[in-house]
Amino acid sequence: MQPNGTMDIQKFILFFAPLIIIFYFMLIRPQAKQQKKHQEMINNLNKNDEVVTIGGLHGTIINVKEKTFIIRIDDNVKVEVDKNAISYVVKARQKE
């Protein structure tokens, strides 16, 4: 036995290092990729794109602001939503 306890530290590191690596590759890395993809989708949204919010509202973007979108969900019904509240794009406008 070693009196200074270095063997215990080595066992601790050998046990937890693989767990941390597995945790990174199974949880942290995929979540970061998904978040990056969502942010890219938000940055590419433009006027007349049809979107769905995280609350389930379907609408068409009619105005793009710095931190929000104004979407039309029905005739004469407009809602301002945070950019991060957009869940996915139903139909992007046709590029000219």
PDB file of N, CA and C in Angstrom:
ATOM      1  N   MET A   1       0.827  -1.181   0.000  1.00  0.00           N
ATOM      2  CA  MET A   1       0.000   0.000   0.000  1.00  0.00           C
ATOM      3  C   MET A   1       0.872   1.246   0.000  1.00  0.00           C
ATOM      4  N   GLN A   2       0.383   2.222  -0.695  1.00  0.00           N
ATOM      5  CA  GLN A   2       1.111   3.486  -0.733  1.00  0.00           C
ATOM      6  C   GLN A   2       0.496   4.423   0.301  1.00  0.00           C
ATOM      7  N   PRO A   3       1.325   5.035   1.083  1.00  0.00           N
ATOM      8  CA  PRO A   3       0.801   5.871   2.156  1.00  0.00           C
ATOM      9  C   PRO A   3       0.166   7.178   1.678  1.00  0.00           C
ATOM     10  N   ASN A   4       0.522   7.644   0.499  1.00  0.00           N
ATOM     11  CA  ASN A   4       0.005   8.949   0.078  1.00  0.00           C
ATOM     12  C   ASN A   4      -1.316   8.875  -0.691  1.00  0.00           C
ATOM     13  N   GLY A   5      -1.822   7.718  -0.962  1.00  0.00           N
ATOM     14  CA  GLY A   5      -3.138   7.561  -1.577  1.00  0.00           C
ATOM     15  C   GLY A   5      -3.154   7.770  -3.075  1.00  0.00           C
ATOM     16  N   THR A   6      -2.033   7.734  -3.764  1.00  0.00           N
ATOM     17  CA  THR A   6      -2.038   7.942  -5.217  1.00  0.00           C
ATOM     18  C   THR A   6      -2.725   6.791  -5.948  1.00  0.00           C
ATOM     19  N   MET A   7      -2.710   5.621  -5.380  1.00  0.00           N
ATOM     20  CA  MET A   7      -3.380   4.481  -6.016  1.00  0.00           C
ATOM     21  C   MET A   7      -4.885   4.706  -6.052  1.00  0.00           C
ATOM     22  N   ASP A   8      -5.436   5.300  -5.009  1.00  0.00           N
ATOM     23  CA  ASP A   8      -6.867   5.593  -4.981  1.00  0.00           C
ATOM     24  C   ASP A   8      -7.232   6.621  -6.048  1.00  0.00           C
ATOM     25  N   ILE A   9      -6.405   7.616  -6.251  1.00  0.00           N
ATOM     26  CA  ILE A   9      -6.657   8.639  -7.266  1.00  0.00           C
ATOM     27  C   ILE A   9      -6.584   8.023  -8.653  1.00  0.00           C
ATOM     28  N   GLN A  10      -5.627   7.142  -8.865  1.00  0.00           N
ATOM     29  CA  GLN A  10      -5.495   6.495 -10.164  1.00  0.00           C
ATOM     30  C   GLN A  10      -6.723   5.626 -10.461  1.00  0.00           C
ATOM     31  N   LYS A  11      -7.190   4.901  -9.485  1.00  0.00           N
ATOM     32  CA  LYS A  11      -8.397   4.084  -9.674  1.00  0.00           C
ATOM     33  C   LYS A  11      -9.602   4.965  -9.975  1.00  0.00           C
ATOM     34  N   PHE A  12      -9.691   6.068  -9.269  1.00  0.00           N
ATOM     35  CA  PHE A  12     -10.789   7.007  -9.469  1.00  0.00           C
ATOM     36  C   PHE A  12     -10.782   7.539 -10.905  1.00  0.00           C
ATOM     37  N   ILE A  13      -9.625   7.946 -11.377  1.00  0.00           N
ATOM     38  CA  ILE A  13      -9.502   8.476 -12.737  1.00  0.00           C
ATOM     39  C   ILE A  13      -9.781   7.391 -13.769  1.00  0.00           C
ATOM     40  N   LEU A  14      -9.251   6.210 -13.566  1.00  0.00           N
ATOM     41  CA  LEU A  14      -9.475   5.108 -14.513  1.00  0.00           C
ATOM     42  C   LEU A  14     -10.943   4.695 -14.573  1.00  0.00           C
ATOM     43  N   PHE A  15     -11.660   4.885 -13.495  1.00  0.00           N
ATOM     44  CA  PHE A  15     -13.074   4.527 -13.466  1.00  0.00           C
ATOM     45  C   PHE A  15     -13.936   5.614 -14.125  1.00  0.00           C
ATOM     46  N   PHE A  16     -13.677   6.888 -13.814  1.00  0.00           N
ATOM     47  CA  PHE A  16     -14.548   7.968 -14.277  1.00  0.00           C
ATOM     48  C   PHE A  16     -14.188   8.536 -15.640  1.00  0.00           C
ATOM     49  N   ALA A  17     -12.966   8.411 -16.094  1.00  0.00           N
ATOM     50  CA  ALA A  17     -12.586   8.961 -17.402  1.00  0.00           C
ATOM     51  C   ALA A  17     -13.404   8.335 -18.533  1.00  0.00           C
ATOM     52  N   PRO A  18     -13.539   7.026 -18.602  1.00  0.00           N
ATOM     53  CA  PRO A  18     -14.379   6.456 -19.679  1.00  0.00           C
ATOM     54  C   PRO A  18     -15.848   6.875 -19.568  1.00  0.00           C
ATOM     55  N   LEU A  19     -16.352   7.037 -18.364  1.00  0.00           N
ATOM     56  CA  LEU A  19     -17.743   7.481 -18.198  1.00  0.00           C
ATOM     57  C   LEU A  19     -17.936   8.897 -18.728  1.00  0.00           C
ATOM     58  N   ILE A  20     -16.977   9.747 -18.465  1.00  0.00           N
ATOM     59  CA  ILE A  20     -17.057  11.128 -18.950  1.00  0.00           C
ATOM     60  C   ILE A  20     -16.983  11.157 -20.472  1.00  0.00           C
ATOM     61  N   ILE A  21     -16.124  10.334 -21.058  1.00  0.00           N
ATOM     62  CA  ILE A  21     -15.997  10.279 -22.514  1.00  0.00           C
ATOM     63  C   ILE A  21     -17.285   9.759 -23.138  1.00  0.00           C
ATOM     64  N   ILE A  22     -17.856   8.726 -22.580  1.00  0.00           N
ATOM     65  CA  ILE A  22     -19.120   8.181 -23.089  1.00  0.00           C
ATOM     66  C   ILE A  22     -20.234   9.217 -22.951  1.00  0.00           C
ATOM     67  N   PHE A  23     -20.293   9.888 -21.826  1.00  0.00           N
ATOM     68  CA  PHE A  23     -21.286  10.928 -21.588  1.00  0.00           C
ATOM     69  C   PHE A  23     -21.167  12.032 -22.635  1.00  0.00           C
ATOM     70  N   TYR A  24     -19.943  12.435 -22.951  1.00  0.00           N
ATOM     71  CA  TYR A  24     -19.725  13.483 -23.944  1.00  0.00           C
ATOM     72  C   TYR A  24     -20.238  13.047 -25.317  1.00  0.00           C
ATOM     73  N   PHE A  25     -19.848  11.856 -25.775  1.00  0.00           N
ATOM     74  CA  PHE A  25     -20.219  11.423 -27.117  1.00  0.00           C
ATOM     75  C   PHE A  25     -21.687  11.035 -27.245  1.00  0.00           C
ATOM     76  N   MET A  26     -22.333  10.639 -26.165  1.00  0.00           N
ATOM     77  CA  MET A  26     -23.733  10.222 -26.268  1.00  0.00           C
ATOM     78  C   MET A  26     -24.726  11.332 -25.955  1.00  0.00           C
ATOM     79  N   LEU A  27     -24.326  12.332 -25.173  1.00  0.00           N
ATOM     80  CA  LEU A  27     -25.274  13.368 -24.782  1.00  0.00           C
ATOM     81  C   LEU A  27     -24.871  14.773 -25.210  1.00  0.00           C
ATOM     82  N   ILE A  28     -23.687  15.193 -24.870  1.00  0.00           N
ATOM     83  CA  ILE A  28     -23.293  16.589 -25.083  1.00  0.00           C
ATOM     84  C   ILE A  28     -23.072  16.892 -26.558  1.00  0.00           C
ATOM     85  N   ARG A  29     -22.324  16.068 -27.248  1.00  0.00           N
ATOM     86  CA  ARG A  29     -22.003  16.325 -28.648  1.00  0.00           C
ATOM     87  C   ARG A  29     -23.248  16.312 -29.546  1.00  0.00           C
ATOM     88  N   PRO A  30     -24.133  15.319 -29.455  1.00  0.00           N
ATOM     89  CA  PRO A  30     -25.341  15.356 -30.298  1.00  0.00           C
ATOM     90  C   PRO A  30     -26.235  16.566 -30.006  1.00  0.00           C
ATOM     91  N   GLN A  31     -26.330  16.948 -28.733  1.00  0.00           N
ATOM     92  CA  GLN A  31     -27.149  18.104 -28.375  1.00  0.00           C
ATOM     93  C   GLN A  31     -26.561  19.378 -28.966  1.00  0.00           C
ATOM     94  N   ALA A  32     -25.249  19.518 -28.948  1.00  0.00           N
ATOM     95  CA  ALA A  32     -24.596  20.696 -29.515  1.00  0.00           C
ATOM     96  C   ALA A  32     -24.807  20.745 -31.028  1.00  0.00           C
ATOM     97  N   LYS A  33     -24.742  19.593 -31.691  1.00  0.00           N
ATOM     98  CA  LYS A  33     -24.982  19.537 -33.138  1.00  0.00           C
ATOM     99  C   LYS A  33     -26.418  19.941 -33.466  1.00  0.00           C
ATOM    100  N   GLN A  34     -27.359  19.437 -32.688  1.00  0.00           N
ATOM    101  CA  GLN A  34     -28.767  19.754 -32.911  1.00  0.00           C
ATOM    102  C   GLN A  34     -29.024  21.246 -32.680  1.00  0.00           C
ATOM    103  N   GLN A  35     -28.418  21.798 -31.651  1.00  0.00           N
ATOM    104  CA  GLN A  35     -28.595  23.214 -31.356  1.00  0.00           C
ATOM    105  C   GLN A  35     -27.994  24.081 -32.470  1.00  0.00           C
ATOM    106  N   LYS A  36     -26.857  23.682 -32.993  1.00  0.00           N
ATOM    107  CA  LYS A  36     -26.221  24.420 -34.085  1.00  0.00           C
ATOM    108  C   LYS A  36     -27.091  24.370 -35.337  1.00  0.00           C
ATOM    109  N   LYS A  37     -27.662  23.208 -35.634  1.00  0.00           N
ATOM    110  CA  LYS A  37     -28.535  23.048 -36.795  1.00  0.00           C
ATOM    111  C   LYS A  37     -29.789  23.918 -36.660  1.00  0.00           C
ATOM    112  N   HIS A  38     -30.377  23.971 -35.456  1.00  0.00           N
ATOM    113  CA  HIS A  38     -31.564  24.788 -35.209  1.00  0.00           C
ATOM    114  C   HIS A  38     -31.238  26.270 -35.371  1.00  0.00           C
ATOM    115  N   GLN A  39     -30.087  26.703 -34.851  1.00  0.00           N
ATOM    116  CA  GLN A  39     -29.681  28.103 -34.972  1.00  0.00           C
ATOM    117  C   GLN A  39     -29.452  28.474 -36.432  1.00  0.00           C
ATOM    118  N   GLU A  40     -28.876  27.572 -37.201  1.00  0.00           N
ATOM    119  CA  GLU A  40     -28.664  27.804 -38.631  1.00  0.00           C
ATOM    120  C   GLU A  40     -29.996  27.936 -39.354  1.00  0.00           C
ATOM    121  N   MET A  41     -30.976  27.097 -38.980  1.00  0.00           N
ATOM    122  CA  MET A  41     -32.302  27.170 -39.584  1.00  0.00           C
ATOM    123  C   MET A  41     -32.946  28.523 -39.273  1.00  0.00           C
ATOM    124  N   ILE A  42     -32.821  28.984 -38.045  1.00  0.00           N
ATOM    125  CA  ILE A  42     -33.398  30.275 -37.655  1.00  0.00           C
ATOM    126  C   ILE A  42     -32.738  31.417 -38.414  1.00  0.00           C
ATOM    127  N   ASN A  43     -31.421  31.352 -38.566  1.00  0.00           N
ATOM    128  CA  ASN A  43     -30.709  32.416 -39.272  1.00  0.00           C
ATOM    129  C   ASN A  43     -31.086  32.486 -40.749  1.00  0.00           C
ATOM    130  N   ASN A  44     -31.554  31.383 -41.330  1.00  0.00           N
ATOM    131  CA  ASN A  44     -31.908  31.349 -42.747  1.00  0.00           C
ATOM    132  C   ASN A  44     -33.380  31.652 -43.019  1.00  0.00           C
ATOM    133  N   LEU A  45     -34.169  31.910 -41.984  1.00  0.00           N
ATOM    134  CA  LEU A  45     -35.586  32.207 -42.189  1.00  0.00           C
ATOM    135  C   LEU A  45     -35.766  33.599 -42.781  1.00  0.00           C
ATOM    136  N   ASN A  46     -36.718  33.710 -43.695  1.00  0.00           N
ATOM    137  CA  ASN A  46     -37.008  34.976 -44.362  1.00  0.00           C
ATOM    138  C   ASN A  46     -38.505  35.206 -44.422  1.00  0.00           C
ATOM    139  N   LYS A  47     -38.859  36.364 -44.916  1.00  0.00           N
ATOM    140  CA  LYS A  47     -40.257  36.726 -45.105  1.00  0.00           C
ATOM    141  C   LYS A  47     -40.920  35.704 -46.030  1.00  0.00           C
ATOM    142  N   ASN A  48     -42.166  35.377 -45.750  1.00  0.00           N
ATOM    143  CA  ASN A  48     -43.022  34.438 -46.508  1.00  0.00           C
ATOM    144  C   ASN A  48     -42.690  32.969 -46.273  1.00  0.00           C
ATOM    145  N   ASP A  49     -41.791  32.643 -45.361  1.00  0.00           N
ATOM    146  CA  ASP A  49     -41.564  31.247 -44.994  1.00  0.00           C
ATOM    147  C   ASP A  49     -42.702  30.795 -44.088  1.00  0.00           C
ATOM    148  N   GLU A  50     -43.188  29.596 -44.317  1.00  0.00           N
ATOM    149  CA  GLU A  50     -44.236  29.026 -43.464  1.00  0.00           C
ATOM    150  C   GLU A  50     -43.559  28.230 -42.357  1.00  0.00           C
ATOM    151  N   VAL A  51     -43.915  28.545 -41.101  1.00  0.00           N
ATOM    152  CA  VAL A  51     -43.243  27.948 -39.948  1.00  0.00           C
ATOM    153  C   VAL A  51     -44.249  27.432 -38.931  1.00  0.00           C
ATOM    154  N   VAL A  52     -43.746  26.624 -38.009  1.00  0.00           N
ATOM    155  CA  VAL A  52     -44.526  26.162 -36.865  1.00  0.00           C
ATOM    156  C   VAL A  52     -43.740  26.530 -35.615  1.00  0.00           C
ATOM    157  N   THR A  53     -44.427  27.114 -34.629  1.00  0.00           N
ATOM    158  CA  THR A  53     -43.762  27.481 -33.381  1.00  0.00           C
ATOM    159  C   THR A  53     -43.746  26.290 -32.426  1.00  0.00           C
ATOM    160  N   ILE A  54     -42.986  26.420 -31.346  1.00  0.00           N
ATOM    161  CA  ILE A  54     -42.944  25.339 -30.368  1.00  0.00           C
ATOM    162  C   ILE A  54     -44.280  25.173 -29.657  1.00  0.00           C
ATOM    163  N   GLY A  55     -45.115  26.203 -29.729  1.00  0.00           N
ATOM    164  CA  GLY A  55     -46.448  26.115 -29.150  1.00  0.00           C
ATOM    165  C   GLY A  55     -47.468  25.508 -30.094  1.00  0.00           C
ATOM    166  N   GLY A  56     -47.061  25.235 -31.336  1.00  0.00           N
ATOM    167  CA  GLY A  56     -47.956  24.611 -32.290  1.00  0.00           C
ATOM    168  C   GLY A  56     -48.667  25.557 -33.224  1.00  0.00           C
ATOM    169  N   LEU A  57     -48.350  26.858 -33.172  1.00  0.00           N
ATOM    170  CA  LEU A  57     -48.976  27.813 -34.082  1.00  0.00           C
ATOM    171  C   LEU A  57     -48.364  27.688 -35.468  1.00  0.00           C
ATOM    172  N   HIS A  58     -49.222  27.585 -36.470  1.00  0.00           N
ATOM    173  CA  HIS A  58     -48.771  27.553 -37.858  1.00  0.00           C
ATOM    174  C   HIS A  58     -48.975  28.944 -38.430  1.00  0.00           C
ATOM    175  N   GLY A  59     -47.958  29.452 -39.111  1.00  0.00           N
ATOM    176  CA  GLY A  59     -48.103  30.781 -39.682  1.00  0.00           C
ATOM    177  C   GLY A  59     -47.050  31.074 -40.720  1.00  0.00           C
ATOM    178  N   THR A  60     -47.168  32.271 -41.291  1.00  0.00           N
ATOM    179  CA  THR A  60     -46.250  32.738 -42.317  1.00  0.00           C
ATOM    180  C   THR A  60     -45.519  33.964 -41.790  1.00  0.00           C
ATOM    181  N   ILE A  61     -44.209  33.972 -41.923  1.00  0.00           N
ATOM    182  CA  ILE A  61     -43.418  35.116 -41.463  1.00  0.00           C
ATOM    183  C   ILE A  61     -43.718  36.308 -42.369  1.00  0.00           C
ATOM    184  N   ILE A  62     -44.102  37.431 -41.748  1.00  0.00           N
ATOM    185  CA  ILE A  62     -44.359  38.632 -42.535  1.00  0.00           C
ATOM    186  C   ILE A  62     -43.345  39.735 -42.238  1.00  0.00           C
ATOM    187  N   ASN A  63     -42.599  39.597 -41.141  1.00  0.00           N
ATOM    188  CA  ASN A  63     -41.581  40.591 -40.814  1.00  0.00           C
ATOM    189  C   ASN A  63     -40.502  39.935 -39.961  1.00  0.00           C
ATOM    190  N   VAL A  64     -39.258  40.279 -40.249  1.00  0.00           N
ATOM    191  CA  VAL A  64     -38.127  39.760 -39.494  1.00  0.00           C
ATOM    192  C   VAL A  64     -37.505  40.919 -38.731  1.00  0.00           C
ATOM    193  N   LYS A  65     -37.433  40.781 -37.411  1.00  0.00           N
ATOM    194  CA  LYS A  65     -36.791  41.786 -36.573  1.00  0.00           C
ATOM    195  C   LYS A  65     -35.494  41.194 -36.020  1.00  0.00           C
ATOM    196  N   GLU A  66     -34.818  41.966 -35.197  1.00  0.00           N
ATOM    197  CA  GLU A  66     -33.532  41.520 -34.668  1.00  0.00           C
ATOM    198  C   GLU A  66     -33.655  40.263 -33.810  1.00  0.00           C
ATOM    199  N   LYS A  67     -34.629  40.242 -32.900  1.00  0.00           N
ATOM    200  CA  LYS A  67     -34.773  39.101 -31.987  1.00  0.00           C
ATOM    201  C   LYS A  67     -36.105  38.376 -32.124  1.00  0.00           C
ATOM    202  N   THR A  68     -36.985  38.887 -32.987  1.00  0.00           N
ATOM    203  CA  THR A  68     -38.312  38.292 -33.098  1.00  0.00           C
ATOM    204  C   THR A  68     -38.756  38.200 -34.555  1.00  0.00           C
ATOM    205  N   PHE A  69     -39.801  37.420 -34.762  1.00  0.00           N
ATOM    206  CA  PHE A  69     -40.503  37.349 -36.047  1.00  0.00           C
ATOM    207  C   PHE A  69     -41.936  37.767 -35.805  1.00  0.00           C
ATOM    208  N   ILE A  70     -42.527  38.383 -36.789  1.00  0.00           N
ATOM    209  CA  ILE A  70     -43.973  38.607 -36.765  1.00  0.00           C
ATOM    210  C   ILE A  70     -44.549  37.629 -37.770  1.00  0.00           C
ATOM    211  N   ILE A  71     -45.431  36.768 -37.274  1.00  0.00           N
ATOM    212  CA  ILE A  71     -46.032  35.772 -38.153  1.00  0.00           C
ATOM    213  C   ILE A  71     -47.528  36.011 -38.268  1.00  0.00           C
ATOM    214  N   ARG A  72     -48.051  35.743 -39.440  1.00  0.00           N
ATOM    215  CA  ARG A  72     -49.493  35.845 -39.684  1.00  0.00           C
ATOM    216  C   ARG A  72     -50.060  34.442 -39.537  1.00  0.00           C
ATOM    217  N   ILE A  73     -51.008  34.296 -38.605  1.00  0.00           N
ATOM    218  CA  ILE A  73     -51.590  32.975 -38.383  1.00  0.00           C
ATOM    219  C   ILE A  73     -52.999  32.854 -38.966  1.00  0.00           C
ATOM    220  N   ASP A  74     -53.579  33.995 -39.346  1.00  0.00           N
ATOM    221  CA  ASP A  74     -54.884  34.014 -39.990  1.00  0.00           C
ATOM    222  C   ASP A  74     -55.064  35.400 -40.589  1.00  0.00           C
ATOM    223  N   ASP A  75     -56.147  35.605 -41.330  1.00  0.00           N
ATOM    224  CA  ASP A  75     -56.397  36.934 -41.890  1.00  0.00           C
ATOM    225  C   ASP A  75     -56.500  37.947 -40.755  1.00  0.00           C
ATOM    226  N   ASN A  76     -55.722  38.991 -40.843  1.00  0.00           N
ATOM    227  CA  ASN A  76     -55.683  40.082 -39.861  1.00  0.00           C
ATOM    228  C   ASN A  76     -55.292  39.644 -38.453  1.00  0.00           C
ATOM    229  N   VAL A  77     -54.638  38.498 -38.307  1.00  0.00           N
ATOM    230  CA  VAL A  77     -54.148  38.048 -37.005  1.00  0.00           C
ATOM    231  C   VAL A  77     -52.634  37.865 -37.109  1.00  0.00           C
ATOM    232  N   LYS A  78     -51.927  38.744 -36.416  1.00  0.00           N
ATOM    233  CA  LYS A  78     -50.464  38.697 -36.444  1.00  0.00           C
ATOM    234  C   LYS A  78     -49.953  38.510 -35.029  1.00  0.00           C
ATOM    235  N   VAL A  79     -48.896  37.708 -34.900  1.00  0.00           N
ATOM    236  CA  VAL A  79     -48.319  37.415 -33.591  1.00  0.00           C
ATOM    237  C   VAL A  79     -46.818  37.624 -33.682  1.00  0.00           C
ATOM    238  N   GLU A  80     -46.270  38.255 -32.660  1.00  0.00           N
ATOM    239  CA  GLU A  80     -44.823  38.425 -32.590  1.00  0.00           C
ATOM    240  C   GLU A  80     -44.259  37.331 -31.688  1.00  0.00           C
ATOM    241  N   VAL A  81     -43.313  36.552 -32.217  1.00  0.00           N
ATOM    242  CA  VAL A  81     -42.729  35.451 -31.463  1.00  0.00           C
ATOM    243  C   VAL A  81     -41.215  35.592 -31.447  1.00  0.00           C
ATOM    244  N   ASP A  82     -40.622  35.080 -30.404  1.00  0.00           N
ATOM    245  CA  ASP A  82     -39.174  35.053 -30.290  1.00  0.00           C
ATOM    246  C   ASP A  82     -38.610  34.135 -31.365  1.00  0.00           C
ATOM    247  N   LYS A  83     -37.418  34.465 -31.861  1.00  0.00           N
ATOM    248  CA  LYS A  83     -36.824  33.642 -32.925  1.00  0.00           C
ATOM    249  C   LYS A  83     -36.620  32.200 -32.472  1.00  0.00           C
ATOM    250  N   ASN A  84     -36.263  31.993 -31.215  1.00  0.00           N
ATOM    251  CA  ASN A  84     -36.044  30.634 -30.721  1.00  0.00           C
ATOM    252  C   ASN A  84     -37.335  29.853 -30.536  1.00  0.00           C
ATOM    253  N   ALA A  85     -38.489  30.510 -30.697  1.00  0.00           N
ATOM    254  CA  ALA A  85     -39.773  29.824 -30.557  1.00  0.00           C
ATOM    255  C   ALA A  85     -40.181  29.106 -31.836  1.00  0.00           C
ATOM    256  N   ILE A  86     -39.410  29.268 -32.905  1.00  0.00           N
ATOM    257  CA  ILE A  86     -39.720  28.573 -34.154  1.00  0.00           C
ATOM    258  C   ILE A  86     -39.207  27.146 -34.042  1.00  0.00           C
ATOM    259  N   SER A  87     -40.103  26.193 -34.227  1.00  0.00           N
ATOM    260  CA  SER A  87     -39.735  24.790 -34.107  1.00  0.00           C
ATOM    261  C   SER A  87     -39.181  24.247 -35.421  1.00  0.00           C
ATOM    262  N   TYR A  88     -39.925  24.463 -36.503  1.00  0.00           N
ATOM    263  CA  TYR A  88     -39.445  23.992 -37.800  1.00  0.00           C
ATOM    264  C   TYR A  88     -40.116  24.761 -38.919  1.00  0.00           C
ATOM    265  N   VAL A  89     -39.566  24.615 -40.115  1.00  0.00           N
ATOM    266  CA  VAL A  89     -40.073  25.283 -41.312  1.00  0.00           C
ATOM    267  C   VAL A  89     -40.937  24.284 -42.085  1.00  0.00           C
ATOM    268  N   VAL A  90     -42.157  24.696 -42.401  1.00  0.00           N
ATOM    269  CA  VAL A  90     -43.048  23.859 -43.194  1.00  0.00           C
ATOM    270  C   VAL A  90     -42.696  24.010 -44.668  1.00  0.00           C
ATOM    271  N   LYS A  91     -42.589  25.268 -45.099  1.00  0.00           N
ATOM    272  CA  LYS A  91     -42.273  25.527 -46.506  1.00  0.00           C
ATOM    273  C   LYS A  91     -41.492  26.829 -46.582  1.00  0.00           C
ATOM    274  N   ALA A  92     -40.282  26.746 -47.108  1.00  0.00           N
ATOM    275  CA  ALA A  92     -39.478  27.942 -47.305  1.00  0.00           C
ATOM    276  C   ALA A  92     -39.911  28.612 -48.590  1.00  0.00           C
ATOM    277  N   ARG A  93     -39.787  29.925 -48.634  1.00  0.00           N
ATOM    278  CA  ARG A  93     -40.175  30.639 -49.847  1.00  0.00           C
ATOM    279  C   ARG A  93     -39.238  30.262 -50.982  1.00  0.00           C
ATOM    280  N   GLN A  94     -39.739  30.356 -52.177  1.00  0.00           N
ATOM    281  CA  GLN A  94     -38.946  30.020 -53.350  1.00  0.00           C
ATOM    282  C   GLN A  94     -37.917  31.109 -53.596  1.00  0.00           C
ATOM    283  N   LYS A  95     -36.666  30.711 -53.789  1.00  0.00           N
ATOM    284  CA  LYS A  95     -35.616  31.688 -54.085  1.00  0.00           C
ATOM    285  C   LYS A  95     -35.710  32.088 -55.544  1.00  0.00           C
ATOM    286  N   GLU A  96     -35.525  33.365 -55.770  1.00  0.00           N
ATOM    287  CA  GLU A  96     -35.647  33.879 -57.136  1.00  0.00           C
ATOM    288  C   GLU A  96     -34.308  33.995 -57.794  1.00  0.00           C
TER     289      GLU A  96
END
